[in-house]
Amino acid sequence: MKRWNINNKVLIDGKYYDQEEFLNNIWVDGIIRIQKNEWDFIDRAQNIIDHFNLQVSYHKAWKKYALIKINKPWFYTKEKEQLPDLSWKDIIITECIMVKEKLSYDDLKDYNFTYSFKNIKSIDELKKAIIARYSISMPELSNEEILEKWVSLTRLQQI
């Protein structure tokens, strides 16, 4: 099961759309969903944005991504997946310029946080953000199990 869609649909402001049609309409290759509580931590004055994910992101360099705020969180368990309700009101269009997958927290250096969200400027802050983000979407995992997984880093340039 692909975790980022159900039957190739995307939920925007409470209404379902065909995902491919939605992506074509905004001229991007994919969506990067940002938790509502993290949205204001994006430094829009920076041209570069670093986004951390759990394990692998499947993002590709030189592809365009829309950063979209999540109105209502998503979750998935072995039995059920609930799509997030995304906000159409404020989207940041970016191009991926670098992806690093399967990084341990020990692999990260201070410079990896230069362009990250304002609330993530250290490994400890990243761990807190990862737990806050993924304990909602993966309720079957404990905080310890979440932190045992690798992280990925996607570097994006606003366009």
Foldseek 3Di string as FASTA:
>chain_A
DDQADDPQWAAEPNDIDRNVVVCVVVVFDEEDEDEPVQVVLQDPVDQKEKDKFWAADPDDAFTKYKYWYFPADWADDPVDTDHTHTYPPDIFIWGWHDKDGFAQLVNDDQVLQPRYGNQDRHSVSVLVVQCVRVCVHYVVDDSVRRNVTGMMMTMIGTD
